[in-house]
PDB file of all heavy atoms in Angstrom:
ATOM      1  N   GLN A   1      -6.399  -8.011  16.601  1.00  0.00           N
ATOM      2  CA  GLN A   1      -5.555  -7.930  15.353  1.00  0.00           C
ATOM      3  C   GLN A   1      -6.020  -6.921  14.351  1.00  0.00           C
ATOM      4  O   GLN A   1      -5.237  -6.425  13.661  1.00  0.00           O
ATOM      5  CB  GLN A   1      -5.496  -9.348  14.733  1.00  0.00           C
ATOM      6  CG  GLN A   1      -6.735  -9.838  14.203  1.00  0.00           C
ATOM      7  CD  GLN A   1      -6.664 -11.233  13.586  1.00  0.00           C
ATOM      8  OE1 GLN A   1      -6.088 -11.351  12.468  1.00  0.00           O
ATOM      9  NE2 GLN A   1      -7.233 -12.248  14.252  1.00  0.00           N
ATOM     10  N   TYR A   2      -7.397  -6.721  14.401  1.00  0.00           N
ATOM     11  CA  TYR A   2      -7.916  -5.849  13.301  1.00  0.00           C
ATOM     12  C   TYR A   2      -7.562  -4.392  13.519  1.00  0.00           C
ATOM     13  O   TYR A   2      -7.777  -3.608  12.511  1.00  0.00           O
ATOM     14  CB  TYR A   2      -9.413  -6.151  13.189  1.00  0.00           C
ATOM     15  CG  TYR A   2      -9.678  -7.437  12.250  1.00  0.00           C
ATOM     16  CD1 TYR A   2      -9.880  -8.641  12.914  1.00  0.00           C
ATOM     17  CD2 TYR A   2      -9.527  -7.332  10.996  1.00  0.00           C
ATOM     18  CE1 TYR A   2      -9.909  -9.843  12.149  1.00  0.00           C
ATOM     19  CE2 TYR A   2      -9.666  -8.538  10.101  1.00  0.00           C
ATOM     20  CZ  TYR A   2      -9.888  -9.726  10.817  1.00  0.00           C
ATOM     21  OH  TYR A   2     -10.030 -10.887  10.035  1.00  0.00           O
ATOM     22  N   PHE A   3      -7.234  -4.040  14.715  1.00  0.00           N
ATOM     23  CA  PHE A   3      -6.728  -2.618  14.905  1.00  0.00           C
ATOM     24  C   PHE A   3      -5.418  -2.531  14.096  1.00  0.00           C
ATOM     25  O   PHE A   3      -5.157  -1.474  13.388  1.00  0.00           O
ATOM     26  CB  PHE A   3      -6.505  -2.394  16.294  1.00  0.00           C
ATOM     27  CG  PHE A   3      -7.851  -2.215  17.099  1.00  0.00           C
ATOM     28  CD1 PHE A   3      -8.178  -3.251  18.065  1.00  0.00           C
ATOM     29  CD2 PHE A   3      -8.723  -1.213  16.882  1.00  0.00           C
ATOM     30  CE1 PHE A   3      -9.324  -3.124  18.702  1.00  0.00           C
ATOM     31  CE2 PHE A   3      -9.895  -1.084  17.674  1.00  0.00           C
ATOM     32  CZ  PHE A   3     -10.205  -2.092  18.528  1.00  0.00           C
ATOM     33  N   ILE A   4      -4.679  -3.566  14.237  1.00  0.00           N
ATOM     34  CA  ILE A   4      -3.365  -3.451  13.495  1.00  0.00           C
ATOM     35  C   ILE A   4      -3.492  -3.661  11.993  1.00  0.00           C
ATOM     36  O   ILE A   4      -2.889  -2.905  11.176  1.00  0.00           O
ATOM     37  CB  ILE A   4      -2.402  -4.694  14.003  1.00  0.00           C
ATOM     38  CG1 ILE A   4      -2.101  -4.635  15.532  1.00  0.00           C
ATOM     39  CG2 ILE A   4      -1.137  -4.699  13.154  1.00  0.00           C
ATOM     40  CD1 ILE A   4      -1.274  -3.345  15.869  1.00  0.00           C
ATOM     41  N   TRP A   5      -4.341  -4.587  11.531  1.00  0.00           N
ATOM     42  CA  TRP A   5      -4.521  -4.739  10.053  1.00  0.00           C
ATOM     43  C   TRP A   5      -5.082  -3.496   9.411  1.00  0.00           C
ATOM     44  O   TRP A   5      -4.811  -3.275   8.247  1.00  0.00           O
ATOM     45  CB  TRP A   5      -5.462  -5.992   9.827  1.00  0.00           C
ATOM     46  CG  TRP A   5      -4.986  -7.295  10.221  1.00  0.00           C
ATOM     47  CD1 TRP A   5      -5.625  -8.224  10.887  1.00  0.00           C
ATOM     48  CD2 TRP A   5      -3.613  -7.855  10.109  1.00  0.00           C
ATOM     49  NE1 TRP A   5      -4.855  -9.372  11.166  1.00  0.00           N
ATOM     50  CE2 TRP A   5      -3.703  -9.121  10.642  1.00  0.00           C
ATOM     51  CE3 TRP A   5      -2.488  -7.362   9.615  1.00  0.00           C
ATOM     52  CZ2 TRP A   5      -2.424  -9.908  10.606  1.00  0.00           C
ATOM     53  CZ3 TRP A   5      -1.256  -8.088   9.586  1.00  0.00           C
ATOM     54  CH2 TRP A   5      -1.359  -9.411  10.068  1.00  0.00           C
ATOM     55  N   THR A   6      -6.063  -2.839  10.058  1.00  0.00           N
ATOM     56  CA  THR A   6      -6.628  -1.641   9.480  1.00  0.00           C
ATOM     57  C   THR A   6      -5.608  -0.577   9.279  1.00  0.00           C
ATOM     58  O   THR A   6      -5.420   0.009   8.130  1.00  0.00           O
ATOM     59  CB  THR A   6      -7.753  -0.992  10.443  1.00  0.00           C
ATOM     60  OG1 THR A   6      -8.745  -1.966  10.578  1.00  0.00           O
ATOM     61  CG2 THR A   6      -8.316   0.192   9.782  1.00  0.00           C
ATOM     62  N   ILE A   7      -4.765  -0.325  10.243  1.00  0.00           N
ATOM     63  CA  ILE A   7      -3.674   0.726  10.091  1.00  0.00           C
ATOM     64  C   ILE A   7      -2.608   0.235   9.086  1.00  0.00           C
ATOM     65  O   ILE A   7      -2.197   0.990   8.288  1.00  0.00           O
ATOM     66  CB  ILE A   7      -3.051   0.954  11.548  1.00  0.00           C
ATOM     67  CG1 ILE A   7      -3.964   1.498  12.486  1.00  0.00           C
ATOM     68  CG2 ILE A   7      -1.796   1.933  11.395  1.00  0.00           C
ATOM     69  CD1 ILE A   7      -3.572   1.570  13.976  1.00  0.00           C
ATOM     70  N   SER A   8      -2.266  -1.028   9.149  1.00  0.00           N
ATOM     71  CA  SER A   8      -1.238  -1.621   8.261  1.00  0.00           C
ATOM     72  C   SER A   8      -1.808  -1.486   6.721  1.00  0.00           C
ATOM     73  O   SER A   8      -0.966  -1.115   5.912  1.00  0.00           O
ATOM     74  CB  SER A   8      -1.038  -2.995   8.509  1.00  0.00           C
ATOM     75  OG  SER A   8      -0.020  -3.621   7.713  1.00  0.00           O
ATOM     76  N   SER A   9      -3.046  -1.730   6.578  1.00  0.00           N
ATOM     77  CA  SER A   9      -3.559  -1.611   5.245  1.00  0.00           C
ATOM     78  C   SER A   9      -3.402  -0.197   4.682  1.00  0.00           C
ATOM     79  O   SER A   9      -2.947  -0.084   3.484  1.00  0.00           O
ATOM     80  CB  SER A   9      -5.141  -2.002   5.227  1.00  0.00           C
ATOM     81  OG  SER A   9      -5.317  -3.325   5.501  1.00  0.00           O
ATOM     82  N   LEU A  10      -3.702   0.856   5.492  1.00  0.00           N
ATOM     83  CA  LEU A  10      -3.553   2.132   5.026  1.00  0.00           C
ATOM     84  C   LEU A  10      -2.107   2.553   4.784  1.00  0.00           C
ATOM     85  O   LEU A  10      -1.753   3.141   3.711  1.00  0.00           O
ATOM     86  CB  LEU A  10      -4.087   3.123   6.131  1.00  0.00           C
ATOM     87  CG  LEU A  10      -5.602   2.991   6.430  1.00  0.00           C
ATOM     88  CD1 LEU A  10      -6.000   3.866   7.518  1.00  0.00           C
ATOM     89  CD2 LEU A  10      -6.414   3.451   5.033  1.00  0.00           C
ATOM     90  N   PHE A  11      -1.197   2.042   5.631  1.00  0.00           N
ATOM     91  CA  PHE A  11       0.196   2.342   5.428  1.00  0.00           C
ATOM     92  C   PHE A  11       0.804   1.582   4.150  1.00  0.00           C
ATOM     93  O   PHE A  11       1.572   2.181   3.385  1.00  0.00           O
ATOM     94  CB  PHE A  11       1.001   1.928   6.612  1.00  0.00           C
ATOM     95  CG  PHE A  11       1.245   3.003   7.673  1.00  0.00           C
ATOM     96  CD1 PHE A  11       0.233   3.102   8.656  1.00  0.00           C
ATOM     97  CD2 PHE A  11       2.298   3.811   7.577  1.00  0.00           C
ATOM     98  CE1 PHE A  11       0.367   4.072   9.647  1.00  0.00           C
ATOM     99  CE2 PHE A  11       2.409   4.865   8.634  1.00  0.00           C
ATOM    100  CZ  PHE A  11       1.465   4.949   9.569  1.00  0.00           C
ATOM    101  N   THR A  12       0.308   0.407   3.884  1.00  0.00           N
ATOM    102  CA  THR A  12       0.820  -0.381   2.691  1.00  0.00           C
ATOM    103  C   THR A  12       0.265   0.301   1.502  1.00  0.00           C
ATOM    104  O   THR A  12       1.003   0.217   0.444  1.00  0.00           O
ATOM    105  CB  THR A  12       0.310  -1.862   2.938  1.00  0.00           C
ATOM    106  OG1 THR A  12       0.760  -2.327   4.078  1.00  0.00           O
ATOM    107  CG2 THR A  12       1.001  -2.620   1.777  1.00  0.00           C
ATOM    108  N   ILE A  13      -0.899   0.657   1.435  1.00  0.00           N
ATOM    109  CA  ILE A  13      -1.544   1.413   0.299  1.00  0.00           C
ATOM    110  C   ILE A  13      -0.568   2.713   0.014  1.00  0.00           C
ATOM    111  O   ILE A  13      -0.200   2.924  -1.185  1.00  0.00           O
ATOM    112  CB  ILE A  13      -2.883   1.900   0.557  1.00  0.00           C
ATOM    113  CG1 ILE A  13      -3.831   0.733   0.487  1.00  0.00           C
ATOM    114  CG2 ILE A  13      -3.415   2.943  -0.570  1.00  0.00           C
ATOM    115  CD1 ILE A  13      -5.250   1.100   1.001  1.00  0.00           C
ATOM    116  N   ALA A  14      -0.249   3.358   1.027  1.00  0.00           N
ATOM    117  CA  ALA A  14       0.671   4.491   0.807  1.00  0.00           C
ATOM    118  C   ALA A  14       2.020   4.030   0.351  1.00  0.00           C
ATOM    119  O   ALA A  14       2.719   4.760  -0.574  1.00  0.00           O
ATOM    120  CB  ALA A  14       0.848   5.323   2.146  1.00  0.00           C
ATOM    121  N   LEU A  15       2.578   2.974   0.877  1.00  0.00           N
ATOM    122  CA  LEU A  15       3.884   2.454   0.448  1.00  0.00           C
ATOM    123  C   LEU A  15       3.868   2.053  -0.991  1.00  0.00           C
ATOM    124  O   LEU A  15       4.837   2.393  -1.742  1.00  0.00           O
ATOM    125  CB  LEU A  15       4.197   1.260   1.339  1.00  0.00           C
ATOM    126  CG  LEU A  15       5.498   0.567   1.105  1.00  0.00           C
ATOM    127  CD1 LEU A  15       6.646   1.440   1.331  1.00  0.00           C
ATOM    128  CD2 LEU A  15       5.697  -0.716   1.963  1.00  0.00           C
ATOM    129  N   TRP A  16       2.896   1.343  -1.500  1.00  0.00           N
ATOM    130  CA  TRP A  16       2.881   0.826  -2.901  1.00  0.00           C
ATOM    131  C   TRP A  16       2.601   2.023  -3.699  1.00  0.00           C
ATOM    132  O   TRP A  16       3.048   1.919  -5.025  1.00  0.00           O
ATOM    133  CB  TRP A  16       1.875  -0.326  -3.052  1.00  0.00           C
ATOM    134  CG  TRP A  16       2.572  -1.681  -2.701  1.00  0.00           C
ATOM    135  CD1 TRP A  16       2.365  -2.325  -1.600  1.00  0.00           C
ATOM    136  CD2 TRP A  16       3.474  -2.361  -3.491  1.00  0.00           C
ATOM    137  NE1 TRP A  16       3.138  -3.505  -1.599  1.00  0.00           N
ATOM    138  CE2 TRP A  16       3.805  -3.564  -2.880  1.00  0.00           C
ATOM    139  CE3 TRP A  16       4.117  -2.140  -4.721  1.00  0.00           C
ATOM    140  CZ2 TRP A  16       4.745  -4.422  -3.304  1.00  0.00           C
ATOM    141  CZ3 TRP A  16       4.910  -3.092  -5.201  1.00  0.00           C
ATOM    142  CH2 TRP A  16       5.308  -4.113  -4.502  1.00  0.00           C
ATOM    143  N   THR A  17       1.802   2.960  -3.340  1.00  0.00           N
ATOM    144  CA  THR A  17       1.471   4.123  -4.244  1.00  0.00           C
ATOM    145  C   THR A  17       2.790   4.883  -4.455  1.00  0.00           C
ATOM    146  O   THR A  17       3.100   5.288  -5.601  1.00  0.00           O
ATOM    147  CB  THR A  17       0.508   5.019  -3.386  1.00  0.00           C
ATOM    148  OG1 THR A  17      -0.747   4.369  -3.311  1.00  0.00           O
ATOM    149  CG2 THR A  17       0.213   6.246  -4.370  1.00  0.00           C
ATOM    150  N   GLN A  18       3.597   5.060  -3.389  1.00  0.00           N
ATOM    151  CA  GLN A  18       4.900   5.704  -3.457  1.00  0.00           C
ATOM    152  C   GLN A  18       5.943   4.912  -4.405  1.00  0.00           C
ATOM    153  O   GLN A  18       6.608   5.521  -5.282  1.00  0.00           O
ATOM    154  CB  GLN A  18       5.547   5.951  -2.089  1.00  0.00           C
ATOM    155  CG  GLN A  18       6.836   6.730  -2.203  1.00  0.00           C
ATOM    156  CD  GLN A  18       7.507   7.043  -0.749  1.00  0.00           C
ATOM    157  OE1 GLN A  18       6.874   6.482   0.213  1.00  0.00           O
ATOM    158  NE2 GLN A  18       8.493   7.782  -0.748  1.00  0.00           N
ATOM    159  N   THR A  19       5.801   3.566  -4.304  1.00  0.00           N
ATOM    160  CA  THR A  19       6.621   2.755  -5.130  1.00  0.00           C
ATOM    161  C   THR A  19       6.236   2.901  -6.578  1.00  0.00           C
ATOM    162  O   THR A  19       7.119   2.924  -7.433  1.00  0.00           O
ATOM    163  CB  THR A  19       6.558   1.303  -4.636  1.00  0.00           C
ATOM    164  OG1 THR A  19       6.897   1.170  -3.332  1.00  0.00           O
ATOM    165  CG2 THR A  19       7.368   0.367  -5.547  1.00  0.00           C
ATOM    166  N   MET A  20       4.985   3.006  -6.869  1.00  0.00           N
ATOM    167  CA  MET A  20       4.488   3.109  -8.173  1.00  0.00           C
ATOM    168  C   MET A  20       4.881   4.378  -8.787  1.00  0.00           C
ATOM    169  O   MET A  20       5.226   4.468  -9.956  1.00  0.00           O
ATOM    170  CB  MET A  20       2.975   2.814  -8.229  1.00  0.00           C
ATOM    171  CG  MET A  20       2.404   2.822  -9.604  1.00  0.00           C
ATOM    172  SD  MET A  20       0.547   2.773  -9.621  1.00  0.00           S
ATOM    173  CE  MET A  20       0.296   4.492  -8.992  1.00  0.00           C
ATOM    174  N   LEU A  21       4.778   5.427  -7.992  1.00  0.00           N
ATOM    175  CA  LEU A  21       5.015   6.804  -8.521  1.00  0.00           C
ATOM    176  C   LEU A  21       6.553   6.921  -8.805  1.00  0.00           C
ATOM    177  O   LEU A  21       7.014   7.794  -9.564  1.00  0.00           O
ATOM    178  CB  LEU A  21       4.645   7.854  -7.455  1.00  0.00           C
ATOM    179  CG  LEU A  21       3.156   8.015  -7.246  1.00  0.00           C
ATOM    180  CD1 LEU A  21       2.830   9.035  -6.192  1.00  0.00           C
ATOM    181  CD2 LEU A  21       2.380   8.456  -8.541  1.00  0.00           C
ATOM    182  N   GLN A  22       7.372   6.105  -8.224  1.00  0.00           N
ATOM    183  CA  GLN A  22       8.802   6.022  -8.402  1.00  0.00           C
ATOM    184  C   GLN A  22       9.221   5.229  -9.650  1.00  0.00           C
ATOM    185  O   GLN A  22      10.320   5.137 -10.037  1.00  0.00           O
ATOM    186  CB  GLN A  22       9.579   5.552  -7.200  1.00  0.00           C
ATOM    187  CG  GLN A  22       9.499   6.478  -5.998  1.00  0.00           C
ATOM    188  CD  GLN A  22      10.104   5.981  -4.773  1.00  0.00           C
ATOM    189  OE1 GLN A  22      10.353   4.666  -4.585  1.00  0.00           O
ATOM    190  NE2 GLN A  22      10.414   6.697  -3.752  1.00  0.00           N
ATOM    191  N   GLY A  23       8.145   4.694 -10.279  1.00  0.00           N
ATOM    192  CA  GLY A  23       8.404   3.876 -11.473  1.00  0.00           C
ATOM    193  C   GLY A  23       8.477   2.428 -11.444  1.00  0.00           C
ATOM    194  O   GLY A  23       8.597   1.722 -12.415  1.00  0.00           O
ATOM    195  N   ASP A  24       8.167   1.880 -10.187  1.00  0.00           N
ATOM    196  CA  ASP A  24       8.082   0.415 -10.017  1.00  0.00           C
ATOM    197  C   ASP A  24       6.722   0.025  -9.529  1.00  0.00           C
ATOM    198  O   ASP A  24       5.978   0.873  -8.954  1.00  0.00           O
ATOM    199  CB  ASP A  24       9.189  -0.025  -9.017  1.00  0.00           C
ATOM    200  CG  ASP A  24      10.597   0.257  -9.436  1.00  0.00           C
ATOM    201  OD1 ASP A  24      11.009  -0.144 -10.560  1.00  0.00           O
ATOM    202  OD2 ASP A  24      11.381   0.800  -8.634  1.00  0.00           O
ATOM    203  N   GLY A  25       6.434  -1.297  -9.772  1.00  0.00           N
ATOM    204  CA  GLY A  25       5.191  -1.751  -9.195  1.00  0.00           C
ATOM    205  C   GLY A  25       4.014  -1.345 -10.061  1.00  0.00           C
ATOM    206  O   GLY A  25       4.254  -0.705 -11.164  1.00  0.00           O
ATOM    207  N   ASN A  26       2.807  -1.748  -9.683  1.00  0.00           N
ATOM    208  CA  ASN A  26       1.645  -1.395 -10.472  1.00  0.00           C
ATOM    209  C   ASN A  26       0.362  -1.363  -9.557  1.00  0.00           C
ATOM    210  O   ASN A  26       0.545  -1.413  -8.288  1.00  0.00           O
ATOM    211  CB  ASN A  26       1.443  -2.430 -11.547  1.00  0.00           C
ATOM    212  CG  ASN A  26       1.310  -3.793 -11.058  1.00  0.00           C
ATOM    213  OD1 ASN A  26       0.602  -4.123 -10.220  1.00  0.00           O
ATOM    214  ND2 ASN A  26       2.255  -4.737 -11.519  1.00  0.00           N
ATOM    215  N   PHE A  27      -0.743  -1.111 -10.137  1.00  0.00           N
ATOM    216  CA  PHE A  27      -2.027  -0.918  -9.406  1.00  0.00           C
ATOM    217  C   PHE A  27      -2.503  -2.202  -8.700  1.00  0.00           C
ATOM    218  O   PHE A  27      -3.268  -2.132  -7.771  1.00  0.00           O
ATOM    219  CB  PHE A  27      -3.065  -0.393 -10.356  1.00  0.00           C
ATOM    220  CG  PHE A  27      -2.998   1.047 -10.621  1.00  0.00           C
ATOM    221  CD1 PHE A  27      -2.488   1.487 -11.893  1.00  0.00           C
ATOM    222  CD2 PHE A  27      -3.234   2.046  -9.618  1.00  0.00           C
ATOM    223  CE1 PHE A  27      -2.474   2.893 -12.095  1.00  0.00           C
ATOM    224  CE2 PHE A  27      -3.154   3.393  -9.934  1.00  0.00           C
ATOM    225  CZ  PHE A  27      -2.727   3.768 -11.077  1.00  0.00           C
ATOM    226  N   ALA A  28      -2.019  -3.383  -9.113  1.00  0.00           N
ATOM    227  CA  ALA A  28      -2.608  -4.632  -8.641  1.00  0.00           C
ATOM    228  C   ALA A  28      -2.574  -4.774  -7.189  1.00  0.00           C
ATOM    229  O   ALA A  28      -3.564  -5.075  -6.392  1.00  0.00           O
ATOM    230  CB  ALA A  28      -1.877  -5.851  -9.291  1.00  0.00           C
ATOM    231  N   LEU A  29      -1.524  -4.475  -6.555  1.00  0.00           N
ATOM    232  CA  LEU A  29      -1.236  -4.718  -5.121  1.00  0.00           C
ATOM    233  C   LEU A  29      -1.973  -3.505  -4.316  1.00  0.00           C
ATOM    234  O   LEU A  29      -2.453  -3.782  -3.281  1.00  0.00           O
ATOM    235  CB  LEU A  29       0.105  -4.817  -4.753  1.00  0.00           C
ATOM    236  CG  LEU A  29       0.713  -6.245  -5.229  1.00  0.00           C
ATOM    237  CD1 LEU A  29       2.271  -6.169  -4.863  1.00  0.00           C
ATOM    238  CD2 LEU A  29       0.110  -7.415  -4.634  1.00  0.00           C
ATOM    239  N   ILE A  30      -2.036  -2.351  -4.932  1.00  0.00           N
ATOM    240  CA  ILE A  30      -2.779  -1.295  -4.414  1.00  0.00           C
ATOM    241  C   ILE A  30      -4.225  -1.629  -4.252  1.00  0.00           C
ATOM    242  O   ILE A  30      -4.881  -1.306  -3.262  1.00  0.00           O
ATOM    243  CB  ILE A  30      -2.635  -0.009  -5.236  1.00  0.00           C
ATOM    244  CG1 ILE A  30      -1.070   0.442  -5.144  1.00  0.00           C
ATOM    245  CG2 ILE A  30      -3.330   1.133  -4.659  1.00  0.00           C
ATOM    246  CD1 ILE A  30      -0.660   1.647  -5.948  1.00  0.00           C
ATOM    247  N   PHE A  31      -4.847  -2.183  -5.351  1.00  0.00           N
ATOM    248  CA  PHE A  31      -6.142  -2.641  -5.315  1.00  0.00           C
ATOM    249  C   PHE A  31      -6.395  -3.628  -4.245  1.00  0.00           C
ATOM    250  O   PHE A  31      -7.365  -3.594  -3.462  1.00  0.00           O
ATOM    251  CB  PHE A  31      -6.525  -3.271  -6.715  1.00  0.00           C
ATOM    252  CG  PHE A  31      -6.599  -2.315  -7.857  1.00  0.00           C
ATOM    253  CD1 PHE A  31      -6.526  -2.747  -9.138  1.00  0.00           C
ATOM    254  CD2 PHE A  31      -6.919  -0.983  -7.598  1.00  0.00           C
ATOM    255  CE1 PHE A  31      -6.493  -1.849 -10.137  1.00  0.00           C
ATOM    256  CE2 PHE A  31      -7.101  -0.130  -8.601  1.00  0.00           C
ATOM    257  CZ  PHE A  31      -6.858  -0.503  -9.879  1.00  0.00           C
TER     258      PHE A  31
END
């Protein structure tokens, strides 16, 4: 499962970063 979780963590960081740059969300979930 940790092969999946590692890749997923990186993708989700990118996803929330993009969301934040678009004006929504905040740093909490990126952290």
